[in-house]
């Protein structure tokens, strides 16, 4: 299950056509977006995962 964080507009880096995008939080942590440009048929997407938890530094 995902929940939407942001909805907005941007421009295609290939043809400069306006694009609508949605940025979602994915189950288990991380973010996902995907956009398809209708005029030039380019598909842009990215899925990130939750950042790994690093161990705390030992007290000196």
PDB file of N, CA and C in Angstrom:
ATOM      1  N   UNK A   1       0.844  -1.180   0.000  1.00  0.00           N
ATOM      2  CA  UNK A   1       0.000   0.000   0.000  1.00  0.00           C
ATOM      3  C   UNK A   1       0.889   1.243   0.000  1.00  0.00           C
ATOM      4  N   UNK A   2       0.481   2.244  -0.726  1.00  0.00           N
ATOM      5  CA  UNK A   2       1.235   3.488  -0.789  1.00  0.00           C
ATOM      6  C   UNK A   2       0.375   4.643  -0.311  1.00  0.00           C
ATOM      7  N   UNK A   3       1.032   5.703   0.089  1.00  0.00           N
ATOM      8  CA  UNK A   3       0.313   6.931   0.431  1.00  0.00           C
ATOM      9  C   UNK A   3       0.996   8.082  -0.295  1.00  0.00           C
ATOM     10  N   UNK A   4       0.195   8.955  -0.872  1.00  0.00           N
ATOM     11  CA  UNK A   4       0.720  10.059  -1.669  1.00  0.00           C
ATOM     12  C   UNK A   4       1.280  11.148  -0.768  1.00  0.00           C
ATOM     13  N   UNK A   5       2.501  11.576  -1.064  1.00  0.00           N
ATOM     14  CA  UNK A   5       3.171  12.635  -0.316  1.00  0.00           C
ATOM     15  C   UNK A   5       3.042  13.963  -1.048  1.00  0.00           C
ATOM     16  N   UNK A   6       3.212  13.930  -2.372  1.00  0.00           N
ATOM     17  CA  UNK A   6       3.205  15.172  -3.146  1.00  0.00           C
ATOM     18  C   UNK A   6       2.692  14.905  -4.554  1.00  0.00           C
ATOM     19  N   UNK A   7       1.962  15.862  -5.091  1.00  0.00           N
ATOM     20  CA  UNK A   7       1.506  15.843  -6.478  1.00  0.00           C
ATOM     21  C   UNK A   7       1.913  17.178  -7.077  1.00  0.00           C
ATOM     22  N   UNK A   8       2.483  17.160  -8.266  1.00  0.00           N
ATOM     23  CA  UNK A   8       2.922  18.420  -8.849  1.00  0.00           C
ATOM     24  C   UNK A   8       3.138  18.310 -10.340  1.00  0.00           C
ATOM     25  N   UNK A   9       3.749  19.341 -10.897  1.00  0.00           N
ATOM     26  CA  UNK A   9       4.068  19.358 -12.322  1.00  0.00           C
ATOM     27  C   UNK A   9       5.553  19.641 -12.503  1.00  0.00           C
ATOM     28  N   UNK A  10       6.087  19.143 -13.583  1.00  0.00           N
ATOM     29  CA  UNK A  10       7.474  19.369 -13.964  1.00  0.00           C
ATOM     30  C   UNK A  10       7.534  19.335 -15.486  1.00  0.00           C
ATOM     31  N   UNK A  11       8.715  19.312 -16.049  1.00  0.00           N
ATOM     32  CA  UNK A  11       8.867  19.259 -17.502  1.00  0.00           C
ATOM     33  C   UNK A  11       9.749  18.079 -17.883  1.00  0.00           C
ATOM     34  N   UNK A  12       9.429  17.461 -18.995  1.00  0.00           N
ATOM     35  CA  UNK A  12      10.209  16.342 -19.514  1.00  0.00           C
ATOM     36  C   UNK A  12      11.611  16.833 -19.882  1.00  0.00           C
ATOM     37  N   UNK A  13      12.662  16.148 -19.425  1.00  0.00           N
ATOM     38  CA  UNK A  13      14.013  16.574 -19.778  1.00  0.00           C
ATOM     39  C   UNK A  13      14.356  16.335 -21.253  1.00  0.00           C
ATOM     40  N   UNK A  14      13.597  15.482 -21.941  1.00  0.00           N
ATOM     41  CA  UNK A  14      13.874  15.215 -23.358  1.00  0.00           C
ATOM     42  C   UNK A  14      13.207  16.207 -24.299  1.00  0.00           C
ATOM     43  N   UNK A  15      11.908  16.499 -24.055  1.00  0.00           N
ATOM     44  CA  UNK A  15      11.181  17.347 -25.009  1.00  0.00           C
ATOM     45  C   UNK A  15      10.560  18.593 -24.374  1.00  0.00           C
ATOM     46  N   UNK A  16      10.707  18.772 -23.075  1.00  0.00           N
ATOM     47  CA  UNK A  16      10.211  19.936 -22.330  1.00  0.00           C
ATOM     48  C   UNK A  16       8.690  20.016 -22.222  1.00  0.00           C
ATOM     49  N   UNK A  17       7.985  18.938 -22.541  1.00  0.00           N
ATOM     50  CA  UNK A  17       6.527  18.924 -22.371  1.00  0.00           C
ATOM     51  C   UNK A  17       6.193  18.942 -20.880  1.00  0.00           C
ATOM     52  N   UNK A  18       5.089  19.574 -20.493  1.00  0.00           N
ATOM     53  CA  UNK A  18       4.698  19.562 -19.084  1.00  0.00           C
ATOM     54  C   UNK A  18       4.249  18.162 -18.662  1.00  0.00           C
ATOM     55  N   UNK A  19       4.628  17.763 -17.457  1.00  0.00           N
ATOM     56  CA  UNK A  19       4.284  16.445 -16.918  1.00  0.00           C
ATOM     57  C   UNK A  19       3.673  16.595 -15.538  1.00  0.00           C
ATOM     58  N   UNK A  20       2.713  15.746 -15.223  1.00  0.00           N
ATOM     59  CA  UNK A  20       2.194  15.643 -13.861  1.00  0.00           C
ATOM     60  C   UNK A  20       2.906  14.479 -13.192  1.00  0.00           C
ATOM     61  N   UNK A  21       3.243  14.631 -11.920  1.00  0.00           N
ATOM     62  CA  UNK A  21       3.889  13.539 -11.205  1.00  0.00           C
ATOM     63  C   UNK A  21       3.233  13.338  -9.850  1.00  0.00           C
ATOM     64  N   UNK A  22       3.428  12.144  -9.311  1.00  0.00           N
ATOM     65  CA  UNK A  22       2.980  11.810  -7.966  1.00  0.00           C
ATOM     66  C   UNK A  22       4.141  11.147  -7.250  1.00  0.00           C
ATOM     67  N   UNK A  23       4.430  11.597  -6.046  1.00  0.00           N
ATOM     68  CA  UNK A  23       5.465  11.015  -5.206  1.00  0.00           C
ATOM     69  C   UNK A  23       4.761  10.278  -4.080  1.00  0.00           C
ATOM     70  N   UNK A  24       5.044   8.991  -3.945  1.00  0.00           N
ATOM     71  CA  UNK A  24       4.372   8.147  -2.960  1.00  0.00           C
ATOM     72  C   UNK A  24       5.358   7.564  -1.961  1.00  0.00           C
ATOM     73  N   UNK A  25       4.888   7.371  -0.729  1.00  0.00           N
ATOM     74  CA  UNK A  25       5.631   6.609   0.274  1.00  0.00           C
ATOM     75  C   UNK A  25       5.205   5.155   0.109  1.00  0.00           C
ATOM     76  N   UNK A  26       6.167   4.245   0.059  1.00  0.00           N
ATOM     77  CA  UNK A  26       5.850   2.837  -0.146  1.00  0.00           C
ATOM     78  C   UNK A  26       5.885   2.075   1.171  1.00  0.00           C
ATOM     79  N   UNK A  27       5.144   0.993   1.202  1.00  0.00           N
ATOM     80  CA  UNK A  27       5.086   0.155   2.397  1.00  0.00           C
ATOM     81  C   UNK A  27       6.481  -0.377   2.714  1.00  0.00           C
ATOM     82  N   UNK A  28       6.880  -0.331   3.953  1.00  0.00           N
ATOM     83  CA  UNK A  28       8.196  -0.785   4.356  1.00  0.00           C
ATOM     84  C   UNK A  28       9.249   0.310   4.320  1.00  0.00           C
ATOM     85  N   UNK A  29       8.867   1.518   3.978  1.00  0.00           N
ATOM     86  CA  UNK A  29       9.796   2.642   3.913  1.00  0.00           C
ATOM     87  C   UNK A  29      10.259   2.904   2.496  1.00  0.00           C
ATOM     88  N   UNK A  30      10.650   4.107   2.233  1.00  0.00           N
ATOM     89  CA  UNK A  30      11.137   4.488   0.913  1.00  0.00           C
ATOM     90  C   UNK A  30      10.130   5.311   0.146  1.00  0.00           C
ATOM     91  N   UNK A  31      10.537   5.725  -1.044  1.00  0.00           N
ATOM     92  CA  UNK A  31       9.719   6.583  -1.900  1.00  0.00           C
ATOM     93  C   UNK A  31       9.650   5.999  -3.303  1.00  0.00           C
ATOM     94  N   UNK A  32       8.588   6.375  -4.031  1.00  0.00           N
ATOM     95  CA  UNK A  32       8.418   5.904  -5.404  1.00  0.00           C
ATOM     96  C   UNK A  32       7.792   7.018  -6.237  1.00  0.00           C
ATOM     97  N   UNK A  33       8.314   7.188  -7.447  1.00  0.00           N
ATOM     98  CA  UNK A  33       7.636   8.034  -8.426  1.00  0.00           C
ATOM     99  C   UNK A  33       7.799   7.411  -9.800  1.00  0.00           C
ATOM    100  N   UNK A  34       6.823   7.632 -10.645  1.00  0.00           N
ATOM    101  CA  UNK A  34       6.965   7.280 -12.047  1.00  0.00           C
ATOM    102  C   UNK A  34       6.116   8.219 -12.881  1.00  0.00           C
ATOM    103  N   UNK A  35       6.656   8.567 -14.043  1.00  0.00           N
ATOM    104  CA  UNK A  35       6.028   9.526 -14.944  1.00  0.00           C
ATOM    105  C   UNK A  35       6.254   9.031 -16.368  1.00  0.00           C
ATOM    106  N   UNK A  36       5.237   9.127 -17.203  1.00  0.00           N
ATOM    107  CA  UNK A  36       5.372   8.820 -18.618  1.00  0.00           C
ATOM    108  C   UNK A  36       5.065  10.078 -19.415  1.00  0.00           C
ATOM    109  N   UNK A  37       5.957  10.435 -20.309  1.00  0.00           N
ATOM    110  CA  UNK A  37       5.760  11.605 -21.164  1.00  0.00           C
ATOM    111  C   UNK A  37       5.020  11.151 -22.420  1.00  0.00           C
ATOM    112  N   UNK A  38       3.786  11.610 -22.593  1.00  0.00           N
ATOM    113  CA  UNK A  38       2.978  11.209 -23.751  1.00  0.00           C
ATOM    114  C   UNK A  38       3.585  11.666 -25.082  1.00  0.00           C
ATOM    115  N   UNK A  39       4.060  12.918 -25.206  1.00  0.00           N
ATOM    116  CA  UNK A  39       4.590  13.355 -26.509  1.00  0.00           C
ATOM    117  C   UNK A  39       5.818  12.570 -26.990  1.00  0.00           C
ATOM    118  N   UNK A  40       6.769  12.267 -26.109  1.00  0.00           N
ATOM    119  CA  UNK A  40       7.990  11.591 -26.577  1.00  0.00           C
ATOM    120  C   UNK A  40       8.117  10.149 -26.075  1.00  0.00           C
ATOM    121  N   UNK A  41       7.143   9.674 -25.303  1.00  0.00           N
ATOM    122  CA  UNK A  41       7.080   8.286 -24.828  1.00  0.00           C
ATOM    123  C   UNK A  41       8.212   7.887 -23.878  1.00  0.00           C
ATOM    124  N   UNK A  42       8.891   8.846 -23.274  1.00  0.00           N
ATOM    125  CA  UNK A  42       9.916   8.544 -22.277  1.00  0.00           C
ATOM    126  C   UNK A  42       9.235   8.169 -20.958  1.00  0.00           C
ATOM    127  N   UNK A  43       9.807   7.212 -20.250  1.00  0.00           N
ATOM    128  CA  UNK A  43       9.294   6.798 -18.946  1.00  0.00           C
ATOM    129  C   UNK A  43      10.382   7.076 -17.918  1.00  0.00           C
ATOM    130  N   UNK A  44      10.012   7.763 -16.868  1.00  0.00           N
ATOM    131  CA  UNK A  44      10.937   8.078 -15.782  1.00  0.00           C
ATOM    132  C   UNK A  44      10.370   7.473 -14.513  1.00  0.00           C
ATOM    133  N   UNK A  45      11.211   6.760 -13.749  1.00  0.00           N
ATOM    134  CA  UNK A  45      10.742   6.194 -12.492  1.00  0.00           C
ATOM    135  C   UNK A  45      11.913   5.995 -11.546  1.00  0.00           C
ATOM    136  N   UNK A  46      11.589   5.914 -10.292  1.00  0.00           N
ATOM    137  CA  UNK A  46      12.590   5.645  -9.265  1.00  0.00           C
ATOM    138  C   UNK A  46      11.882   5.079  -8.048  1.00  0.00           C
ATOM    139  N   UNK A  47      12.477   4.077  -7.440  1.00  0.00           N
ATOM    140  CA  UNK A  47      11.989   3.526  -6.181  1.00  0.00           C
ATOM    141  C   UNK A  47      13.176   3.496  -5.241  1.00  0.00           C
ATOM    142  N   UNK A  48      13.043   4.155  -4.104  1.00  0.00           N
ATOM    143  CA  UNK A  48      14.113   4.125  -3.109  1.00  0.00           C
ATOM    144  C   UNK A  48      13.673   3.240  -1.957  1.00  0.00           C
ATOM    145  N   UNK A  49      14.630   2.761  -1.215  1.00  0.00           N
ATOM    146  CA  UNK A  49      14.324   1.975  -0.030  1.00  0.00           C
ATOM    147  C   UNK A  49      14.668   2.787   1.199  1.00  0.00           C
ATOM    148  N   UNK A  50      14.161   2.346   2.313  1.00  0.00           N
ATOM    149  CA  UNK A  50      14.443   3.034   3.563  1.00  0.00           C
ATOM    150  C   UNK A  50      15.940   2.999   3.821  1.00  0.00           C
ATOM    151  N   UNK A  51      16.481   4.095   4.314  1.00  0.00           N
ATOM    152  CA  UNK A  51      17.911   4.166   4.622  1.00  0.00           C
ATOM    153  C   UNK A  51      18.244   3.168   5.729  1.00  0.00           C
ATOM    154  N   UNK A  52      19.331   2.432   5.578  1.00  0.00           N
ATOM    155  CA  UNK A  52      19.702   1.478   6.618  1.00  0.00           C
ATOM    156  C   UNK A  52      20.050   2.196   7.919  1.00  0.00           C
ATOM    157  N   UNK A  53      19.743   1.573   9.020  1.00  0.00           N
ATOM    158  CA  UNK A  53      20.064   2.133  10.326  1.00  0.00           C
ATOM    159  C   UNK A  53      21.514   1.798  10.660  1.00  0.00           C
ATOM    160  N   UNK A  54      22.316   2.817  10.861  1.00  0.00           N
ATOM    161  CA  UNK A  54      23.716   2.617  11.213  1.00  0.00           C
ATOM    162  C   UNK A  54      23.842   2.509  12.724  1.00  0.00           C
ATOM    163  N   UNK A  55      24.767   1.698  13.200  1.00  0.00           N
ATOM    164  CA  UNK A  55      24.937   1.584  14.651  1.00  0.00           C
ATOM    165  C   UNK A  55      25.416   2.903  15.248  1.00  0.00           C
ATOM    166  N   UNK A  56      24.976   3.183  16.454  1.00  0.00           N
ATOM    167  CA  UNK A  56      25.396   4.407  17.146  1.00  0.00           C
ATOM    168  C   UNK A  56      26.879   4.303  17.480  1.00  0.00           C
ATOM    169  N   UNK A  57      27.578   5.420  17.426  1.00  0.00           N
ATOM    170  CA  UNK A  57      29.008   5.440  17.754  1.00  0.00           C
ATOM    171  C   UNK A  57      29.187   5.155  19.243  1.00  0.00           C
ATOM    172  N   UNK A  58      30.209   4.407  19.567  1.00  0.00           N
ATOM    173  CA  UNK A  58      30.498   4.093  20.969  1.00  0.00           C
ATOM    174  C   UNK A  58      31.010   5.343  21.677  1.00  0.00           C
ATOM    175  N   UNK A  59      30.604   5.507  22.914  1.00  0.00           N
ATOM    176  CA  UNK A  59      31.059   6.663  23.701  1.00  0.00           C
ATOM    177  C   UNK A  59      32.554   6.520  23.965  1.00  0.00           C
ATOM    178  N   UNK A  60      33.292   7.599  23.826  1.00  0.00           N
ATOM    179  CA  UNK A  60      34.748   7.552  24.007  1.00  0.00           C
ATOM    180  C   UNK A  60      35.129   7.723  25.450  1.00  0.00           C
TER     181      UNK A  60
END
